[in-house]
Protein backbone atom coordinates (compact mmCIF):
# COMPACT_ATOMS: atom_id res chain seq x y z
CA UNK A 1 46.62 48.53 -40.02
CA UNK A 2 48.32 50.85 -37.56
CA UNK A 3 49.44 53.27 -40.27
CA UNK A 4 45.92 53.42 -41.70
CA UNK A 5 44.50 54.21 -38.25
CA UNK A 6 46.98 57.04 -37.72
CA UNK A 7 46.26 58.61 -41.12
CA UNK A 8 42.52 58.40 -40.62
CA UNK A 9 42.90 59.89 -37.16
CA UNK A 10 44.88 62.91 -38.51
CA UNK A 11 42.42 63.59 -41.36
CA UNK A 12 39.56 63.43 -38.87
CA UNK A 13 41.04 66.13 -36.61
CA UNK A 14 42.00 68.33 -39.63
CA UNK A 15 38.38 68.23 -40.82
CA UNK A 16 37.19 69.22 -37.35
CA UNK A 17 39.68 72.10 -37.21
CA UNK A 18 38.57 73.48 -40.60
CA UNK A 19 34.99 73.62 -39.36
CA UNK A 20 36.02 75.12 -35.97
CA UNK A 21 34.82 71.99 -34.15
CA UNK A 22 38.21 70.79 -32.79
CA UNK A 23 37.88 72.25 -29.31
CA UNK A 24 34.40 70.87 -28.81
CA UNK A 25 35.41 67.37 -29.96
CA UNK A 26 38.46 67.32 -27.73
CA UNK A 27 36.38 68.36 -24.72
CA UNK A 28 33.88 65.59 -25.48
CA UNK A 29 36.60 62.96 -25.84
CA UNK A 30 38.38 64.11 -22.66
CA UNK A 31 35.14 63.94 -20.70
CA UNK A 32 34.48 60.44 -22.02
CA UNK A 33 37.95 59.27 -20.96
CA UNK A 34 37.55 60.74 -17.44
CA UNK A 35 34.12 59.11 -16.99
CA UNK A 36 35.44 55.77 -18.24
CA UNK A 37 38.40 55.85 -15.81
CA UNK A 38 36.22 56.64 -12.77
CA UNK A 39 33.70 53.97 -13.74
CA UNK A 40 36.26 51.25 -14.30
CA UNK A 41 38.56 52.03 -11.34
CA UNK A 42 36.42 50.27 -8.66
CA UNK A 43 36.17 47.19 -10.87
CA UNK A 44 39.93 47.10 -11.28
CA UNK A 45 40.49 47.50 -7.52
CA UNK A 46 38.04 44.69 -6.67
CA UNK A 47 39.61 42.40 -9.23
CA UNK A 48 43.08 43.13 -7.80
CA UNK A 49 42.00 42.50 -4.21
CA UNK A 50 40.15 39.30 -4.99
CA UNK A 51 42.58 37.72 -7.39
CA UNK A 52 46.04 39.15 -6.72
CA UNK A 53 46.45 40.74 -3.30
CA UNK A 54 44.16 38.55 -1.20
CA UNK A 55 46.44 35.78 0.04
CA UNK A 56 45.00 35.52 3.60
CA UNK A 57 44.20 32.05 4.94
CA UNK A 58 40.71 31.18 6.13
CA UNK A 59 40.95 31.13 9.93
CA UNK A 60 38.69 28.98 12.08
CA UNK A 61 37.66 31.19 15.00
CA UNK A 62 35.74 28.52 16.89
CA UNK A 63 36.94 27.79 20.40
CA UNK A 64 38.79 24.49 20.60
CA UNK A 65 38.34 24.28 24.34
CA UNK A 66 34.89 25.61 25.01
CA UNK A 67 33.75 27.81 27.85
CA UNK A 68 30.76 26.84 29.88
CA UNK A 69 29.62 30.44 29.98
CA UNK A 70 28.39 31.65 26.61
CA UNK A 71 31.39 33.28 24.96
CA UNK A 72 30.31 35.98 22.54
CA UNK A 73 33.20 35.10 20.23
CA UNK A 74 32.22 31.48 19.67
CA UNK A 75 30.89 30.50 16.25
CA UNK A 76 27.13 30.47 15.95
CA UNK A 77 24.83 27.99 14.31
CA UNK A 78 21.57 28.63 12.49
CA UNK A 79 19.78 26.10 14.70
CA UNK A 80 21.26 27.37 17.94
CA UNK A 81 21.48 31.14 17.44
CA UNK A 82 19.32 31.89 20.47
CA UNK A 83 20.06 34.97 22.55
CA UNK A 84 20.69 33.54 25.99
CA UNK A 85 20.60 35.30 29.31
CA UNK A 86 23.64 33.93 31.12
CA UNK A 87 22.14 34.48 34.57
CA UNK A 88 19.03 32.47 33.61
CA UNK A 89 21.14 29.71 32.14
CA UNK A 90 23.35 29.42 35.22
CA UNK A 91 20.91 30.35 37.99
CA UNK A 92 20.77 26.89 39.57
CA UNK A 93 24.56 26.55 39.39
CA UNK A 94 24.95 29.94 41.06
CA UNK A 95 22.48 28.87 43.74
CA UNK A 96 24.63 25.84 44.57
CA UNK A 97 27.68 28.07 44.83
CA UNK A 98 25.85 30.57 47.05
CA UNK A 99 24.42 28.04 49.49
CA UNK A 100 25.63 28.20 53.07
CA UNK A 101 27.30 24.80 53.23
CA UNK A 102 30.01 23.44 55.46
CA UNK A 103 32.68 23.01 52.82
CA UNK A 104 35.11 21.18 55.06
CA UNK A 105 37.90 19.42 53.22
CA UNK A 106 38.04 15.94 54.68
CA UNK A 107 41.35 14.17 54.46
CA UNK A 108 41.72 10.97 52.46
CA UNK A 109 41.92 8.70 55.51
CA UNK A 110 38.65 10.10 56.94
CA UNK A 111 36.87 9.59 53.60
CA UNK A 112 38.17 6.03 53.28
CA UNK A 113 36.96 5.27 56.78
CA UNK A 114 33.57 6.72 55.88
CA UNK A 115 33.39 4.43 52.84
CA UNK A 116 34.30 1.43 54.98
CA UNK A 117 31.70 2.32 57.61
CA UNK A 118 28.98 2.59 54.98
CA UNK A 119 30.22 -0.45 53.03
CA UNK A 120 30.67 1.65 49.90
CA UNK A 121 32.66 -0.49 47.43
CA UNK A 122 32.99 -0.23 43.66
CA UNK A 123 33.07 -4.00 43.17
CA UNK A 124 29.63 -4.21 44.81
CA UNK A 125 28.29 -1.41 42.62
CA UNK A 126 29.46 -3.19 39.47
CA UNK A 127 27.28 -6.14 40.54
CA UNK A 128 24.20 -4.71 42.24
CA UNK A 129 24.20 -1.24 40.54
CA UNK A 130 23.32 0.57 43.78
CA UNK A 131 25.34 3.58 44.96
CA UNK A 132 25.43 5.10 48.43
CA UNK A 133 24.47 8.83 48.31
CA UNK A 134 27.68 10.16 49.82
CA UNK A 135 28.18 13.63 48.38
CA UNK A 136 31.51 15.22 49.26
CA UNK A 137 31.90 18.96 48.71
CA UNK A 138 35.68 19.04 48.16
CA UNK A 139 38.37 16.70 46.87
CA UNK A 140 40.94 15.55 49.44
CA UNK A 141 44.34 17.08 48.81
CA UNK A 142 46.01 13.75 49.67
CA UNK A 143 44.56 12.06 46.57
CA UNK A 144 47.66 13.04 44.59
CA UNK A 145 49.83 11.29 47.19
CA UNK A 146 48.25 7.89 46.57
CA UNK A 147 51.03 6.18 44.64
CA UNK A 148 49.06 3.11 43.64
CA UNK A 149 47.39 4.15 40.37
CA UNK A 150 44.54 1.65 40.63
CA UNK A 151 43.66 2.71 44.18
CA UNK A 152 43.83 6.40 43.26
CA UNK A 153 41.49 5.84 40.31
CA UNK A 154 39.01 3.85 42.41
CA UNK A 155 39.06 6.50 45.13
CA UNK A 156 38.36 9.25 42.58
CA UNK A 157 35.47 7.28 41.05
CA UNK A 158 33.96 6.71 44.51
CA UNK A 159 33.99 10.47 45.12
CA UNK A 160 32.62 11.63 41.76
CA UNK A 161 30.15 8.82 40.97
CA UNK A 162 27.38 9.85 43.44
CA UNK A 163 27.61 13.46 42.22
CA UNK A 164 27.09 12.46 38.58
CA UNK A 165 24.23 10.13 39.49
CA UNK A 166 22.55 12.88 41.51
CA UNK A 167 22.55 15.27 38.56
CA UNK A 168 21.31 12.56 36.20
CA UNK A 169 18.53 11.80 38.67
CA UNK A 170 17.52 15.47 38.69
CA UNK A 171 17.41 15.50 34.89
CA UNK A 172 15.49 12.21 34.78
CA UNK A 173 12.82 13.62 37.10
CA UNK A 174 12.59 16.83 35.05
CA UNK A 175 12.35 14.83 31.85
CA UNK A 176 9.52 12.72 33.28
CA UNK A 177 7.63 15.87 34.23
CA UNK A 178 8.25 17.33 30.77
CA UNK A 179 6.76 14.28 29.06
CA UNK A 180 3.71 14.44 31.34
CA UNK A 181 3.19 18.06 30.32
CA UNK A 182 3.67 17.31 26.62
CA UNK A 183 1.09 14.52 26.76
CA UNK A 184 -1.58 16.77 28.25
CA UNK A 185 -3.97 18.82 26.15
CA UNK A 186 -4.11 21.65 28.72
CA UNK A 187 -1.46 22.73 31.19
CA UNK A 188 -1.89 24.38 34.57
CA UNK A 189 -0.33 27.72 35.50
CA UNK A 190 2.17 25.88 37.67
CA UNK A 191 3.19 23.68 34.74
CA UNK A 192 3.53 26.68 32.41
CA UNK A 193 5.65 28.49 34.99
CA UNK A 194 7.87 25.42 35.35
CA UNK A 195 8.25 25.20 31.57
CA UNK A 196 9.26 28.87 31.38
CA UNK A 197 11.91 28.24 34.02
CA UNK A 198 13.30 25.24 32.08
CA UNK A 199 13.31 27.15 28.79
CA UNK A 200 15.57 29.71 30.45
CA UNK A 201 17.82 27.11 32.09
CA UNK A 202 18.34 25.33 28.78
CA UNK A 203 18.73 28.52 26.74
CA UNK A 204 15.57 28.23 24.62
CA UNK A 205 13.92 31.68 24.37
CA UNK A 206 11.57 30.60 21.54
CA UNK A 207 9.80 28.05 23.76
CA UNK A 208 10.48 25.12 21.48
CA UNK A 209 9.28 21.94 23.21
CA UNK A 210 11.14 19.65 20.81
CA UNK A 211 14.42 21.43 21.46
CA UNK A 212 13.81 21.28 25.21
CA UNK A 213 13.16 17.54 24.95
CA UNK A 214 16.48 17.05 23.12
CA UNK A 215 18.48 19.22 25.50
CA UNK A 216 16.95 18.04 28.77
CA UNK A 217 18.61 14.64 28.92
CA UNK A 218 21.24 12.72 30.86
CA UNK A 219 24.96 12.40 30.18
CA UNK A 220 26.16 8.76 30.34
CA UNK A 221 27.84 8.14 33.70
CA UNK A 222 30.88 6.49 32.09
CA UNK A 223 31.39 9.47 29.77
CA UNK A 224 31.20 11.98 32.61
CA UNK A 225 33.61 9.90 34.72
CA UNK A 226 36.06 9.63 31.83
CA UNK A 227 36.01 13.38 31.15
CA UNK A 228 36.42 14.21 34.84
CA UNK A 229 39.36 11.79 35.04
CA UNK A 230 40.98 13.24 31.92
CA UNK A 231 40.47 16.90 32.85
CA UNK A 232 41.72 16.54 36.45
CA UNK A 233 44.34 13.79 36.17
CA UNK A 234 42.12 11.63 38.38
CA UNK A 235 41.61 14.46 40.87
CA UNK A 236 45.18 15.71 41.12
CA UNK A 237 45.13 18.91 39.01
CA UNK A 238 45.45 22.41 40.47
CA UNK A 239 42.08 23.41 39.03
CA UNK A 240 40.36 20.46 40.72
CA UNK A 241 42.08 21.00 44.05
CA UNK A 242 41.76 24.80 44.23
CA UNK A 243 38.55 25.39 42.28
CA UNK A 244 36.55 22.13 42.35
CA UNK A 245 36.77 22.25 38.54
CA UNK A 246 36.21 18.64 37.52
CA UNK A 247 35.72 19.32 33.82
CA UNK A 248 38.08 22.16 32.96
CA UNK A 249 35.34 24.48 31.74
CA UNK A 250 36.32 27.98 30.63
CA UNK A 251 34.86 31.34 31.50
CA UNK A 252 35.58 34.85 30.22
CA UNK A 253 33.31 36.65 32.67
CA UNK A 254 32.86 34.48 35.76
CA UNK A 255 35.07 33.63 38.69
CA UNK A 256 37.92 31.35 37.76
CA UNK A 257 41.55 30.31 37.97
CA UNK A 258 44.13 31.57 35.49
CA UNK A 259 46.18 28.89 33.70
CA UNK A 260 49.87 29.22 34.40
CA UNK A 261 51.65 31.36 31.82
CA UNK A 262 48.46 33.13 30.69
CA UNK A 263 48.21 36.92 30.58
CA UNK A 264 46.82 38.33 33.80
CA UNK A 265 44.17 40.57 32.22
CA UNK A 266 43.45 38.71 28.99
CA UNK A 267 42.04 35.41 27.82
CA UNK A 268 40.04 32.77 29.61
CA UNK A 269 40.01 31.37 33.11
CA UNK A 270 39.04 27.92 34.31
CA UNK A 271 35.68 28.22 36.04
CA UNK A 272 35.82 27.93 39.84
CA UNK A 273 33.13 26.27 41.98
CA UNK A 274 32.59 26.24 45.74
CA UNK A 275 31.34 22.67 45.74
CA UNK A 276 31.96 19.68 43.47
CA UNK A 277 28.23 19.24 42.79
CA UNK A 278 28.08 22.65 41.07
CA UNK A 279 30.90 21.61 38.74
CA UNK A 280 29.03 18.47 37.65
CA UNK A 281 25.81 20.42 37.07
CA UNK A 282 27.63 23.06 35.04
CA UNK A 283 29.30 20.37 32.93
CA UNK A 284 25.98 18.74 32.09
CA UNK A 285 24.40 22.11 31.29
CA UNK A 286 27.36 22.84 29.02
CA UNK A 287 26.90 19.69 26.92
CA UNK A 288 23.14 20.21 26.90
CA UNK A 289 23.16 23.85 25.73
CA UNK A 290 26.39 24.89 23.99
CA UNK A 291 26.14 25.22 20.21
CA UNK A 292 29.30 23.14 19.71
CA UNK A 293 27.54 20.02 20.97
CA UNK A 294 24.52 20.00 18.67
CA UNK A 295 25.67 16.78 17.00
CA UNK A 296 26.22 15.17 20.41
CA UNK A 297 22.63 15.95 21.41
CA UNK A 298 21.18 14.79 18.10
CA UNK A 299 23.09 11.48 18.33
CA UNK A 300 21.78 11.02 21.88
CA UNK A 301 18.23 11.74 20.72
CA UNK A 302 18.55 9.13 17.94
CA UNK A 303 19.63 6.54 20.51
CA UNK A 304 16.59 7.45 22.62
CA UNK A 305 14.21 7.24 19.65
CA UNK A 306 15.53 3.81 18.67
CA UNK A 307 15.17 2.52 22.24
CA UNK A 308 18.91 2.01 22.69
CA UNK A 309 20.94 2.87 25.82
CA UNK A 310 23.08 6.01 25.85
CA UNK A 311 26.37 4.48 24.72
CA UNK A 312 29.33 6.57 25.91
CA UNK A 313 31.68 5.14 23.26
CA UNK A 314 29.32 6.24 20.49
CA UNK A 315 28.55 9.65 22.01
CA UNK A 316 32.20 10.44 22.76
CA UNK A 317 32.71 10.67 18.98
CA UNK A 318 30.87 13.99 19.06
CA UNK A 319 33.08 15.63 21.72
CA UNK A 320 36.08 16.37 19.49
CA UNK A 321 35.58 20.11 20.07
CA UNK A 322 35.78 19.80 23.85
CA UNK A 323 39.59 19.95 23.82
CA UNK A 324 42.40 21.33 21.67
CA UNK A 325 43.51 17.84 20.69
CA UNK A 326 40.21 17.11 18.90
CA UNK A 327 39.96 13.52 17.66
CA UNK A 328 42.91 12.53 19.84
CA UNK A 329 40.91 13.67 22.88
CA UNK A 330 38.05 11.41 21.79
CA UNK A 331 40.39 8.41 21.54
CA UNK A 332 41.72 9.11 25.04
CA UNK A 333 38.17 9.17 26.42
CA UNK A 334 37.37 5.85 24.77
CA UNK A 335 40.52 4.31 26.23
CA UNK A 336 39.72 5.57 29.73
CA UNK A 337 36.18 4.18 29.48
CA UNK A 338 37.23 0.75 28.23
CA UNK A 339 40.38 0.24 30.33
CA UNK A 340 38.61 1.17 33.57
CA UNK A 341 35.33 -0.58 32.67
CA UNK A 342 33.41 2.58 33.38
CA UNK A 343 30.34 1.43 31.46
CA UNK A 344 29.63 -0.86 34.41
CA UNK A 345 28.31 2.27 36.15
CA UNK A 346 26.00 3.48 33.37
CA UNK A 347 22.93 1.76 34.78
CA UNK A 348 23.79 2.36 38.43
CA UNK A 349 21.16 3.98 40.66
CA UNK A 350 21.58 6.32 43.61
CA UNK A 351 20.08 5.04 46.85
CA UNK A 352 17.83 7.41 48.81
CA UNK A 353 19.58 9.43 51.47
CA UNK A 354 19.01 8.77 55.16
CA UNK A 355 19.47 10.54 58.46
CA UNK A 356 21.89 7.84 59.63
CA UNK A 357 24.04 8.24 56.51
CA UNK A 358 24.08 12.04 56.73
CA UNK A 359 25.23 11.82 60.35
CA UNK A 360 28.35 9.94 59.24
CA UNK A 361 29.50 12.75 56.92
């Protein structure tokens, strides 16, 4: 077969030479070869890259511990790809930080005396579900010196519980107003202005009422307590003591504290707050707006629609992206909730404030 091809090939070129067509044929064949090479070269390169040289692993670029502020690097989601204005989203948190308040750090003994004077006891709250509105601005530095673990935990819960209930109360009132607006056929200018403000606060530029309804909702008290306890070591961490950071939220652009060992000019910081209340509000806004907690919000909405209470054990399942440890973090939260019977506080209510009570602080 090969010999036949070679003979035929030779006879072919001899015939061309006799008729003075050899040069023309060779030019034609050479041109064909050059065109073929240039046409096929990109295909060969793509095949090589895709099937031979490309040995890179698929890297998950999502943030395992998520910033409260909207990090541009975080993975997006088709449902949540809204272009937020960070200032609009955080305006009420900034306002808390900018308020002229007497942020005096009371010592532990003074706070304990205050609780005794106002008869503020956790065992009573577990029974009657009523909480005294004592809002401290700073954690006492002596909390880490309380050697008795049970007493330290109870003291931390007493401090943080009214703050969480206050923010849930704010959301509950907003949610009630939202439902009143939704149920009306026509809305006033004041109502429309309020809605615009809430769209911005909850990062919804497309004015989607359904999305606002899902996002504007409470965080179970027991879940918030468990996360605050985990993130601060029951109030003893440096971030809690120096920056009122109860939930370890990250920021790339805002004011914060650098983790030890981190590069000075690179990476994240733990968000700093002037008062504890701002930290709680920022935490709730984080869970209610960040794209990583879509499933958390949908699960909460399903509980609402079925008329069931917001179960912290169920909802904690959807917070595996809150920390680097993922599912292990979720198990820790569940253990904190169950071992400390934190669900006893889920249906607690904050008592109205009074002049007499404020005078004691």
